[in-house]
Amino acid sequence: MPHLNRGHRVAQSGEACDYSHRSPVTDNPKMFPNRPELGQVFNEVPALYDRIRPGYPAELFADLRTITGLHERASVLEVGCGTGQATRSLAALGCSVTAVEPGADMAALARRRIAAFRNVEVETSTFEEWDDRGRRFDTVVAASSWHWVDPSIGWRRAHRLLRPGGWLALLGNVVIRRPGEPEVYAETADLHERFCPGNPGWGHPPLEDVVRAHDTGWGPAEDPAGVFGPATVHWYPTVQWLTGDGFADLLRSTSLYRRLAREVREPLLDAIAEHIRTRMDNRAARRYLSVLRAGQRTD
């Protein structure tokens, strides 16, 4: 039986877990007191992030091109490119891509990943502080990153950086569950409470039908304050099949688990991996609805 790391301290029953470094599982931007600091937790594990985090289906980028009219002479600004998962797909469309990423190690890995493309440049900065040098773009894209941007700056800055008629496209992956199907959090809720009791981030992913019915328009992002028109929304069901160790690595790459103290996070993830190996035949699904939200700049 694989070893659980018993050398780390586990919170005792009734004892509060330290949440000072956690962010909620929903990545609700309204709960982040310091977005730039929290947004750079991924810079601690760029290779893991690049290897394990889900990308986006090709159909999404085909729809993005159709909706926004992207072509080979078009220019795209990508906000928070991470290690370049979406960047590579944007570059493959043939348009010119300027990608901005605040994490130096994430940006360095992105440059290596997109080295074969001559139409991409990666610059290291937060979107809020980025020096645009007067450049303007046809489309601004943010893939699983817009919630890290200060909304009091982000919407209006995106509007200013777009040419008249330009588009803002927000991409994301919403974790979901389906009725009657084994789901890892449901299977391991007791472990979560054992190692970090009372964490407000713990909870079941929403049902797919609920997300489709209620997550409309610009979604959980703050209102764009009139600088963008209504968003059209397209959903794409996707799934990752993971071993116990793979699932633990996926959780290890997310903000909720990265912000737990190491002495809480690692034994919890060890226990989750062990449960998947021994109770779920070492095969667990992580289901998503990939989403494309696109709206046009108001002039």
C-alpha atoms as a PDB file:
ATOM      1  CA  MET A   1       0.000   0.000   0.000  1.00  0.00           C
ATOM      2  CA  PRO A   2       1.446   3.437  -0.919  1.00  0.00           C
ATOM      3  CA  HIS A   3       2.647   5.356   2.074  1.00  0.00           C
ATOM      4  CA  LEU A   4       0.746   8.303   3.510  1.00  0.00           C
ATOM      5  CA  ASN A   5       3.070  10.975   4.830  1.00  0.00           C
ATOM      6  CA  ARG A   6       2.479  10.616   8.559  1.00  0.00           C
ATOM      7  CA  GLY A   7       5.176  13.109   9.480  1.00  0.00           C
ATOM      8  CA  HIS A   8       2.925  16.093   8.794  1.00  0.00           C
ATOM      9  CA  ARG A   9       0.518  17.430  11.345  1.00  0.00           C
ATOM     10  CA  VAL A  10      -3.220  16.973  10.745  1.00  0.00           C
ATOM     11  CA  ALA A  11      -5.742  19.440  12.122  1.00  0.00           C
ATOM     12  CA  GLN A  12      -7.613  17.836  15.002  1.00  0.00           C
ATOM     13  CA  SER A  13     -11.381  17.490  15.094  1.00  0.00           C
ATOM     14  CA  GLY A  14     -12.964  20.820  15.953  1.00  0.00           C
ATOM     15  CA  GLU A  15      -9.732  22.701  15.295  1.00  0.00           C
ATOM     16  CA  ALA A  16      -9.819  25.433  12.665  1.00  0.00           C
ATOM     17  CA  CYS A  17      -7.649  24.934   9.595  1.00  0.00           C
ATOM     18  CA  ASP A  18      -5.460  27.874   8.533  1.00  0.00           C
ATOM     19  CA  TYR A  19      -7.262  29.504   5.601  1.00  0.00           C
ATOM     20  CA  SER A  20      -5.038  32.551   5.378  1.00  0.00           C
ATOM     21  CA  HIS A  21      -3.469  31.212   2.184  1.00  0.00           C
ATOM     22  CA  ARG A  22      -6.460  29.584   0.558  1.00  0.00           C
ATOM     23  CA  SER A  23      -8.820  30.658  -2.158  1.00  0.00           C
ATOM     24  CA  PRO A  24     -12.250  29.148  -2.702  1.00  0.00           C
ATOM     25  CA  VAL A  25     -12.826  26.244  -5.036  1.00  0.00           C
ATOM     26  CA  THR A  26     -15.087  28.398  -7.169  1.00  0.00           C
ATOM     27  CA  ASP A  27     -12.311  30.981  -7.687  1.00  0.00           C
ATOM     28  CA  ASN A  28     -14.911  33.617  -6.836  1.00  0.00           C
ATOM     29  CA  PRO A  29     -13.039  36.875  -7.526  1.00  0.00           C
ATOM     30  CA  LYS A  30     -15.063  38.794  -4.930  1.00  0.00           C
ATOM     31  CA  MET A  31     -13.394  36.749  -2.184  1.00  0.00           C
ATOM     32  CA  PHE A  32      -9.807  37.641  -3.152  1.00  0.00           C
ATOM     33  CA  PRO A  33      -8.284  40.352  -0.959  1.00  0.00           C
ATOM     34  CA  ASN A  34      -5.089  40.418  -3.035  1.00  0.00           C
ATOM     35  CA  ARG A  35      -5.616  39.260  -6.607  1.00  0.00           C
ATOM     36  CA  PRO A  36      -2.067  39.790  -7.932  1.00  0.00           C
ATOM     37  CA  GLU A  37      -0.487  37.815  -5.081  1.00  0.00           C
ATOM     38  CA  LEU A  38      -2.978  34.945  -5.310  1.00  0.00           C
ATOM     39  CA  GLY A  39      -2.795  34.890  -9.102  1.00  0.00           C
ATOM     40  CA  GLN A  40       0.917  34.131  -8.948  1.00  0.00           C
ATOM     41  CA  VAL A  41       0.593  30.947  -6.880  1.00  0.00           C
ATOM     42  CA  PHE A  42       0.819  29.038 -10.172  1.00  0.00           C
ATOM     43  CA  ASN A  43       4.307  30.453 -10.720  1.00  0.00           C
ATOM     44  CA  GLU A  44       5.434  28.065  -7.946  1.00  0.00           C
ATOM     45  CA  VAL A  45       4.726  25.019 -10.164  1.00  0.00           C
ATOM     46  CA  PRO A  46       4.916  25.970 -13.864  1.00  0.00           C
ATOM     47  CA  ALA A  47       5.922  22.533 -15.176  1.00  0.00           C
ATOM     48  CA  LEU A  48       3.192  20.794 -13.172  1.00  0.00           C
ATOM     49  CA  TYR A  49       0.630  23.370 -14.297  1.00  0.00           C
ATOM     50  CA  ASP A  50       1.606  22.900 -17.937  1.00  0.00           C
ATOM     51  CA  ARG A  51       1.494  19.106 -17.719  1.00  0.00           C
ATOM     52  CA  ILE A  52      -1.743  18.557 -15.805  1.00  0.00           C
ATOM     53  CA  ARG A  53      -4.141  21.457 -16.302  1.00  0.00           C
ATOM     54  CA  PRO A  54      -6.845  20.950 -18.949  1.00  0.00           C
ATOM     55  CA  GLY A  55      -6.638  22.821 -22.220  1.00  0.00           C
ATOM     56  CA  TYR A  56      -9.508  23.823 -24.491  1.00  0.00           C
ATOM     57  CA  PRO A  57     -11.158  21.902 -27.346  1.00  0.00           C
ATOM     58  CA  ALA A  58     -10.322  22.744 -30.952  1.00  0.00           C
ATOM     59  CA  GLU A  59     -14.024  23.443 -31.570  1.00  0.00           C
ATOM     60  CA  LEU A  60     -13.848  26.367 -29.149  1.00  0.00           C
ATOM     61  CA  PHE A  61     -11.102  28.077 -31.169  1.00  0.00           C
ATOM     62  CA  ALA A  62     -12.937  27.414 -34.414  1.00  0.00           C
ATOM     63  CA  ASP A  63     -15.994  29.154 -32.929  1.00  0.00           C
ATOM     64  CA  LEU A  64     -13.801  31.979 -31.614  1.00  0.00           C
ATOM     65  CA  ARG A  65     -12.476  32.586 -35.115  1.00  0.00           C
ATOM     66  CA  THR A  66     -15.987  32.534 -36.600  1.00  0.00           C
ATOM     67  CA  ILE A  67     -17.496  34.853 -33.970  1.00  0.00           C
ATOM     68  CA  THR A  68     -14.712  37.447 -33.886  1.00  0.00           C
ATOM     69  CA  GLY A  69     -13.623  37.245 -37.513  1.00  0.00           C
ATOM     70  CA  LEU A  70     -10.014  36.459 -36.642  1.00  0.00           C
ATOM     71  CA  HIS A  71      -7.767  36.131 -39.667  1.00  0.00           C
ATOM     72  CA  GLU A  72      -4.051  35.938 -40.399  1.00  0.00           C
ATOM     73  CA  ARG A  73      -3.602  39.714 -40.295  1.00  0.00           C
ATOM     74  CA  ALA A  74      -5.537  40.102 -37.039  1.00  0.00           C
ATOM     75  CA  SER A  75      -3.827  40.927 -33.745  1.00  0.00           C
ATOM     76  CA  VAL A  76      -4.684  39.265 -30.433  1.00  0.00           C
ATOM     77  CA  LEU A  77      -3.766  40.283 -26.900  1.00  0.00           C
ATOM     78  CA  GLU A  78      -3.862  37.366 -24.465  1.00  0.00           C
ATOM     79  CA  VAL A  79      -4.209  38.270 -20.786  1.00  0.00           C
ATOM     80  CA  GLY A  80      -2.549  35.875 -18.331  1.00  0.00           C
ATOM     81  CA  CYS A  81      -1.254  33.274 -20.772  1.00  0.00           C
ATOM     82  CA  GLY A  82       0.169  30.956 -18.105  1.00  0.00           C
ATOM     83  CA  THR A  83       2.405  28.389 -19.776  1.00  0.00           C
ATOM     84  CA  GLY A  84       0.786  28.941 -23.149  1.00  0.00           C
ATOM     85  CA  GLN A  85      -1.907  26.265 -23.479  1.00  0.00           C
ATOM     86  CA  ALA A  86      -4.374  28.620 -25.183  1.00  0.00           C
ATOM     87  CA  THR A  87      -1.556  30.667 -26.730  1.00  0.00           C
ATOM     88  CA  ARG A  88      -0.507  27.762 -28.931  1.00  0.00           C
ATOM     89  CA  SER A  89      -4.037  27.342 -30.246  1.00  0.00           C
ATOM     90  CA  LEU A  90      -4.360  31.069 -30.921  1.00  0.00           C
ATOM     91  CA  ALA A  91      -1.027  31.113 -32.741  1.00  0.00           C
ATOM     92  CA  ALA A  92      -2.131  28.149 -34.862  1.00  0.00           C
ATOM     93  CA  LEU A  93      -4.950  30.324 -36.220  1.00  0.00           C
ATOM     94  CA  GLY A  94      -2.233  32.384 -37.911  1.00  0.00           C
ATOM     95  CA  CYS A  95      -2.945  35.704 -36.202  1.00  0.00           C
ATOM     96  CA  SER A  96      -0.358  37.789 -34.356  1.00  0.00           C
ATOM     97  CA  VAL A  97      -0.444  37.141 -30.586  1.00  0.00           C
ATOM     98  CA  THR A  98       0.956  39.289 -27.791  1.00  0.00           C
ATOM     99  CA  ALA A  99       0.683  37.336 -24.539  1.00  0.00           C
ATOM    100  CA  VAL A 100       1.041  38.938 -21.101  1.00  0.00           C
ATOM    101  CA  GLU A 101       1.867  36.799 -18.057  1.00  0.00           C
ATOM    102  CA  PRO A 102       2.768  38.065 -14.529  1.00  0.00           C
ATOM    103  CA  GLY A 103       4.639  34.937 -13.395  1.00  0.00           C
ATOM    104  CA  ALA A 104       8.248  35.017 -14.592  1.00  0.00           C
ATOM    105  CA  ASP A 105       8.665  31.231 -14.532  1.00  0.00           C
ATOM    106  CA  MET A 106       5.295  30.664 -16.202  1.00  0.00           C
ATOM    107  CA  ALA A 107       6.206  33.187 -18.914  1.00  0.00           C
ATOM    108  CA  ALA A 108       9.613  31.558 -19.460  1.00  0.00           C
ATOM    109  CA  LEU A 109       7.989  28.153 -19.968  1.00  0.00           C
ATOM    110  CA  ALA A 110       5.398  29.682 -22.307  1.00  0.00           C
ATOM    111  CA  ARG A 111       8.212  31.121 -24.460  1.00  0.00           C
ATOM    112  CA  ARG A 112       9.767  27.671 -24.755  1.00  0.00           C
ATOM    113  CA  ARG A 113       6.424  26.085 -25.580  1.00  0.00           C
ATOM    114  CA  ILE A 114       5.625  28.544 -28.388  1.00  0.00           C
ATOM    115  CA  ALA A 115       9.179  28.851 -29.765  1.00  0.00           C
ATOM    116  CA  ALA A 116       8.110  27.264 -33.063  1.00  0.00           C
ATOM    117  CA  PHE A 117       5.676  30.128 -33.714  1.00  0.00           C
ATOM    118  CA  ARG A 118       7.080  33.357 -35.111  1.00  0.00           C
ATOM    119  CA  ASN A 119       3.811  35.217 -34.636  1.00  0.00           C
ATOM    120  CA  VAL A 120       3.825  35.186 -30.791  1.00  0.00           C
ATOM    121  CA  GLU A 121       5.516  37.405 -28.217  1.00  0.00           C
ATOM    122  CA  VAL A 122       5.300  36.786 -24.448  1.00  0.00           C
ATOM    123  CA  GLU A 123       5.786  39.758 -22.105  1.00  0.00           C
ATOM    124  CA  THR A 124       6.127  39.462 -18.322  1.00  0.00           C
ATOM    125  CA  SER A 125       3.743  41.783 -16.472  1.00  0.00           C
ATOM    126  CA  THR A 126       0.371  41.993 -14.842  1.00  0.00           C
ATOM    127  CA  PHE A 127      -2.319  43.200 -17.202  1.00  0.00           C
ATOM    128  CA  GLU A 128      -3.000  46.177 -14.966  1.00  0.00           C
ATOM    129  CA  GLU A 129       0.641  47.383 -15.114  1.00  0.00           C
ATOM    130  CA  TRP A 130       1.541  46.252 -18.619  1.00  0.00           C
ATOM    131  CA  ASP A 131       3.141  48.857 -20.921  1.00  0.00           C
ATOM    132  CA  ASP A 132       1.101  48.630 -24.119  1.00  0.00           C
ATOM    133  CA  ARG A 133       3.347  51.179 -25.900  1.00  0.00           C
ATOM    134  CA  GLY A 134       0.339  52.469 -27.799  1.00  0.00           C
ATOM    135  CA  ARG A 135      -0.500  49.136 -29.408  1.00  0.00           C
ATOM    136  CA  ARG A 136      -4.097  48.269 -30.261  1.00  0.00           C
ATOM    137  CA  PHE A 137      -5.666  44.881 -30.976  1.00  0.00           C
ATOM    138  CA  ASP A 138      -8.577  43.251 -32.773  1.00  0.00           C
ATOM    139  CA  THR A 139      -9.354  40.769 -29.981  1.00  0.00           C
ATOM    140  CA  VAL A 140      -8.474  40.439 -26.295  1.00  0.00           C
ATOM    141  CA  VAL A 141      -8.517  36.858 -24.972  1.00  0.00           C
ATOM    142  CA  ALA A 142      -8.281  35.678 -21.357  1.00  0.00           C
ATOM    143  CA  ALA A 143      -8.173  31.917 -20.755  1.00  0.00           C
ATOM    144  CA  SER A 144      -8.966  31.025 -17.126  1.00  0.00           C
ATOM    145  CA  SER A 145      -7.331  34.276 -16.051  1.00  0.00           C
ATOM    146  CA  TRP A 146      -9.830  37.142 -16.122  1.00  0.00           C
ATOM    147  CA  HIS A 147     -10.874  36.566 -12.489  1.00  0.00           C
ATOM    148  CA  TRP A 148      -7.304  37.465 -11.430  1.00  0.00           C
ATOM    149  CA  VAL A 149      -7.615  40.909 -13.055  1.00  0.00           C
ATOM    150  CA  ASP A 150      -8.803  43.863 -10.973  1.00  0.00           C
ATOM    151  CA  PRO A 151     -12.267  44.564 -12.439  1.00  0.00           C
ATOM    152  CA  SER A 152     -12.007  48.271 -11.676  1.00  0.00           C
ATOM    153  CA  ILE A 153      -9.167  48.361 -14.230  1.00  0.00           C
ATOM    154  CA  GLY A 154      -9.598  45.313 -16.448  1.00  0.00           C
ATOM    155  CA  TRP A 155     -12.808  45.995 -18.357  1.00  0.00           C
ATOM    156  CA  ARG A 156     -12.000  49.580 -19.264  1.00  0.00           C
ATOM    157  CA  ARG A 157      -8.392  48.788 -20.129  1.00  0.00           C
ATOM    158  CA  ALA A 158      -9.476  45.960 -22.431  1.00  0.00           C
ATOM    159  CA  HIS A 159     -11.912  48.390 -24.073  1.00  0.00           C
ATOM    160  CA  ARG A 160      -9.147  50.972 -24.618  1.00  0.00           C
ATOM    161  CA  LEU A 161      -6.762  48.392 -26.074  1.00  0.00           C
ATOM    162  CA  LEU A 162      -9.277  47.209 -28.667  1.00  0.00           C
ATOM    163  CA  ARG A 163      -9.824  48.798 -32.026  1.00  0.00           C
ATOM    164  CA  PRO A 164     -13.408  49.873 -32.800  1.00  0.00           C
ATOM    165  CA  GLY A 165     -15.533  46.771 -33.301  1.00  0.00           C
ATOM    166  CA  GLY A 166     -13.033  44.618 -31.396  1.00  0.00           C
ATOM    167  CA  TRP A 167     -13.941  41.621 -29.237  1.00  0.00           C
ATOM    168  CA  LEU A 168     -13.268  40.435 -25.704  1.00  0.00           C
ATOM    169  CA  ALA A 169     -13.292  36.634 -25.323  1.00  0.00           C
ATOM    170  CA  LEU A 170     -13.199  34.924 -21.923  1.00  0.00           C
ATOM    171  CA  LEU A 171     -12.358  31.220 -21.929  1.00  0.00           C
ATOM    172  CA  GLY A 172     -12.697  28.902 -18.974  1.00  0.00           C
ATOM    173  CA  ASN A 173     -13.202  25.393 -17.658  1.00  0.00           C
ATOM    174  CA  VAL A 174     -16.065  24.956 -15.171  1.00  0.00           C
ATOM    175  CA  VAL A 175     -15.771  21.794 -13.056  1.00  0.00           C
ATOM    176  CA  ILE A 176     -19.075  19.899 -13.073  1.00  0.00           C
ATOM    177  CA  ARG A 177     -20.598  16.595 -12.028  1.00  0.00           C
ATOM    178  CA  ARG A 178     -23.261  14.354 -13.479  1.00  0.00           C
ATOM    179  CA  PRO A 179     -25.998  12.609 -11.476  1.00  0.00           C
ATOM    180  CA  GLY A 180     -25.192   9.060 -10.467  1.00  0.00           C
ATOM    181  CA  GLU A 181     -21.544   9.216 -11.506  1.00  0.00           C
ATOM    182  CA  PRO A 182     -18.751   8.813  -8.916  1.00  0.00           C
ATOM    183  CA  GLU A 183     -17.152  12.180  -8.204  1.00  0.00           C
ATOM    184  CA  VAL A 184     -13.892  12.626  -6.333  1.00  0.00           C
ATOM    185  CA  TYR A 185     -14.967  15.311  -3.882  1.00  0.00           C
ATOM    186  CA  ALA A 186     -18.067  13.327  -2.890  1.00  0.00           C
ATOM    187  CA  GLU A 187     -15.846  10.273  -2.412  1.00  0.00           C
ATOM    188  CA  THR A 188     -13.287  12.150  -0.304  1.00  0.00           C
ATOM    189  CA  ALA A 189     -15.302  14.760   1.631  1.00  0.00           C
ATOM    190  CA  ASP A 190     -14.402  12.978   4.870  1.00  0.00           C
ATOM    191  CA  LEU A 191     -10.694  13.292   4.044  1.00  0.00           C
ATOM    192  CA  HIS A 192     -11.040  16.999   3.286  1.00  0.00           C
ATOM    193  CA  GLU A 193     -12.735  17.553   6.634  1.00  0.00           C
ATOM    194  CA  ARG A 194     -10.187  15.398   8.437  1.00  0.00           C
ATOM    195  CA  PHE A 195      -7.143  17.267   7.150  1.00  0.00           C
ATOM    196  CA  CYS A 196      -8.630  20.774   6.885  1.00  0.00           C
ATOM    197  CA  PRO A 197     -11.994  20.945   8.674  1.00  0.00           C
ATOM    198  CA  GLY A 198     -14.493  23.678   7.936  1.00  0.00           C
ATOM    199  CA  ASN A 199     -12.769  25.109   4.860  1.00  0.00           C
ATOM    200  CA  PRO A 200     -15.431  27.197   3.058  1.00  0.00           C
ATOM    201  CA  GLY A 201     -13.831  26.233  -0.247  1.00  0.00           C
ATOM    202  CA  TRP A 202     -14.851  22.588   0.078  1.00  0.00           C
ATOM    203  CA  GLY A 203     -17.978  21.597  -1.765  1.00  0.00           C
ATOM    204  CA  HIS A 204     -19.462  19.513  -4.550  1.00  0.00           C
ATOM    205  CA  PRO A 205     -19.052  20.747  -8.132  1.00  0.00           C
ATOM    206  CA  PRO A 206     -22.356  21.933  -9.617  1.00  0.00           C
ATOM    207  CA  LEU A 207     -24.446  19.729 -11.856  1.00  0.00           C
ATOM    208  CA  GLU A 208     -23.918  20.198 -15.590  1.00  0.00           C
ATOM    209  CA  ASP A 209     -27.552  21.120 -16.252  1.00  0.00           C
ATOM    210  CA  VAL A 210     -27.493  23.758 -13.514  1.00  0.00           C
ATOM    211  CA  VAL A 211     -24.418  25.430 -15.006  1.00  0.00           C
ATOM    212  CA  ARG A 212     -25.893  25.466 -18.488  1.00  0.00           C
ATOM    213  CA  ALA A 213     -29.164  26.944 -17.219  1.00  0.00           C
ATOM    214  CA  HIS A 214     -27.838  29.633 -14.897  1.00  0.00           C
ATOM    215  CA  ASP A 215     -24.258  30.545 -15.862  1.00  0.00           C
ATOM    216  CA  THR A 216     -25.139  32.988 -18.623  1.00  0.00           C
ATOM    217  CA  GLY A 217     -23.744  36.161 -20.151  1.00  0.00           C
ATOM    218  CA  TRP A 218     -20.379  37.219 -18.738  1.00  0.00           C
ATOM    219  CA  GLY A 219     -20.818  34.657 -15.973  1.00  0.00           C
ATOM    220  CA  PRO A 220     -19.233  35.179 -12.545  1.00  0.00           C
ATOM    221  CA  ALA A 221     -17.149  38.127 -13.738  1.00  0.00           C
ATOM    222  CA  GLU A 222     -18.197  41.560 -12.542  1.00  0.00           C
ATOM    223  CA  ASP A 223     -20.448  43.597 -14.834  1.00  0.00           C
ATOM    224  CA  PRO A 224     -18.457  45.172 -17.696  1.00  0.00           C
ATOM    225  CA  ALA A 225     -20.031  48.557 -16.894  1.00  0.00           C
ATOM    226  CA  GLY A 226     -21.326  49.173 -20.388  1.00  0.00           C
ATOM    227  CA  VAL A 227     -17.971  49.034 -22.189  1.00  0.00           C
ATOM    228  CA  PHE A 228     -18.847  45.677 -23.789  1.00  0.00           C
ATOM    229  CA  GLY A 229     -22.064  44.426 -25.234  1.00  0.00           C
ATOM    230  CA  PRO A 230     -23.887  41.226 -24.244  1.00  0.00           C
ATOM    231  CA  ALA A 231     -21.787  38.070 -24.286  1.00  0.00           C
ATOM    232  CA  THR A 232     -22.649  35.082 -26.424  1.00  0.00           C
ATOM    233  CA  VAL A 233     -21.920  31.823 -24.604  1.00  0.00           C
ATOM    234  CA  HIS A 234     -20.846  28.463 -26.017  1.00  0.00           C
ATOM    235  CA  TRP A 235     -20.322  25.302 -23.934  1.00  0.00           C
ATOM    236  CA  TYR A 236     -18.097  22.308 -24.714  1.00  0.00           C
ATOM    237  CA  PRO A 237     -18.263  19.190 -22.489  1.00  0.00           C
ATOM    238  CA  THR A 238     -14.801  17.729 -21.817  1.00  0.00           C
ATOM    239  CA  VAL A 239     -13.358  15.177 -19.413  1.00  0.00           C
ATOM    240  CA  GLN A 240      -9.970  14.236 -17.965  1.00  0.00           C
ATOM    241  CA  TRP A 241      -9.401  10.649 -16.844  1.00  0.00           C
ATOM    242  CA  LEU A 242      -6.752  10.539 -14.147  1.00  0.00           C
ATOM    243  CA  THR A 243      -4.999   8.062 -11.890  1.00  0.00           C
ATOM    244  CA  GLY A 244      -4.832   8.735  -8.172  1.00  0.00           C
ATOM    245  CA  ASP A 245      -1.439  10.373  -8.479  1.00  0.00           C
ATOM    246  CA  GLY A 246      -2.587  12.336 -11.525  1.00  0.00           C
ATOM    247  CA  PHE A 247      -5.679  13.620  -9.747  1.00  0.00           C
ATOM    248  CA  ALA A 248      -3.571  14.688  -6.766  1.00  0.00           C
ATOM    249  CA  ASP A 249      -1.250  16.558  -9.137  1.00  0.00           C
ATOM    250  CA  LEU A 250      -4.231  18.283 -10.754  1.00  0.00           C
ATOM    251  CA  LEU A 251      -5.461  19.490  -7.358  1.00  0.00           C
ATOM    252  CA  ARG A 252      -1.886  20.446  -6.435  1.00  0.00           C
ATOM    253  CA  SER A 253      -1.877  22.835  -9.407  1.00  0.00           C
ATOM    254  CA  THR A 254      -5.044  24.722  -8.362  1.00  0.00           C
ATOM    255  CA  SER A 255      -5.242  27.877  -6.277  1.00  0.00           C
ATOM    256  CA  LEU A 256      -7.444  26.305  -3.596  1.00  0.00           C
ATOM    257  CA  TYR A 257      -4.893  23.628  -2.738  1.00  0.00           C
ATOM    258  CA  ARG A 258      -1.765  25.671  -3.442  1.00  0.00           C
ATOM    259  CA  ARG A 259      -2.784  28.200  -0.799  1.00  0.00           C
ATOM    260  CA  LEU A 260      -3.130  25.568   1.885  1.00  0.00           C
ATOM    261  CA  ALA A 261      -0.112  25.236   4.129  1.00  0.00           C
ATOM    262  CA  ARG A 262       2.179  22.507   2.792  1.00  0.00           C
ATOM    263  CA  GLU A 263       1.825  20.442   5.974  1.00  0.00           C
ATOM    264  CA  VAL A 264      -1.941  20.326   5.346  1.00  0.00           C
ATOM    265  CA  ARG A 265      -1.950  20.097   1.545  1.00  0.00           C
ATOM    266  CA  GLU A 266       0.478  17.247   0.987  1.00  0.00           C
ATOM    267  CA  PRO A 267      -0.978  14.655   3.391  1.00  0.00           C
ATOM    268  CA  LEU A 268      -4.477  15.537   2.166  1.00  0.00           C
ATOM    269  CA  LEU A 269      -3.455  14.958  -1.453  1.00  0.00           C
ATOM    270  CA  ASP A 270      -1.633  11.754  -0.495  1.00  0.00           C
ATOM    271  CA  ALA A 271      -4.848  10.498   1.101  1.00  0.00           C
ATOM    272  CA  ILE A 272      -6.968  11.462  -1.932  1.00  0.00           C
ATOM    273  CA  ALA A 273      -4.561   9.668  -4.278  1.00  0.00           C
ATOM    274  CA  GLU A 274      -4.658   6.595  -2.043  1.00  0.00           C
ATOM    275  CA  HIS A 275      -8.472   6.597  -2.035  1.00  0.00           C
ATOM    276  CA  ILE A 276      -8.624   6.758  -5.847  1.00  0.00           C
ATOM    277  CA  ARG A 277      -6.096   3.936  -6.138  1.00  0.00           C
ATOM    278  CA  THR A 278      -7.793   1.606  -3.685  1.00  0.00           C
ATOM    279  CA  ARG A 279     -11.505   2.559  -3.852  1.00  0.00           C
ATOM    280  CA  MET A 280     -11.978   3.815  -7.432  1.00  0.00           C
ATOM    281  CA  ASP A 281      -9.812   1.371  -9.407  1.00  0.00           C
ATOM    282  CA  ASN A 282      -7.174   4.085  -9.834  1.00  0.00           C
ATOM    283  CA  ARG A 283      -9.303   5.894 -12.431  1.00  0.00           C
ATOM    284  CA  ALA A 284     -11.250   9.071 -11.757  1.00  0.00           C
ATOM    285  CA  ALA A 285     -13.043  11.512 -14.036  1.00  0.00           C
ATOM    286  CA  ARG A 286     -12.745  15.272 -13.806  1.00  0.00           C
ATOM    287  CA  ARG A 287     -15.566  16.672 -15.904  1.00  0.00           C
ATOM    288  CA  TYR A 288     -15.689  20.206 -17.243  1.00  0.00           C
ATOM    289  CA  LEU A 289     -17.780  22.483 -19.333  1.00  0.00           C
ATOM    290  CA  SER A 290     -15.264  24.471 -21.328  1.00  0.00           C
ATOM    291  CA  VAL A 291     -16.804  27.845 -22.037  1.00  0.00           C
ATOM    292  CA  LEU A 292     -16.347  30.647 -24.538  1.00  0.00           C
ATOM    293  CA  ARG A 293     -17.902  34.020 -23.692  1.00  0.00           C
ATOM    294  CA  ALA A 294     -17.457  36.674 -26.360  1.00  0.00           C
ATOM    295  CA  GLY A 295     -18.733  40.234 -26.530  1.00  0.00           C
ATOM    296  CA  GLN A 296     -18.023  43.202 -28.725  1.00  0.00           C
ATOM    297  CA  ARG A 297     -16.558  46.512 -27.635  1.00  0.00           C
ATOM    298  CA  THR A 298     -19.107  49.305 -27.400  1.00  0.00           C
ATOM    299  CA  ASP A 299     -18.054  52.413 -29.317  1.00  0.00           C
END
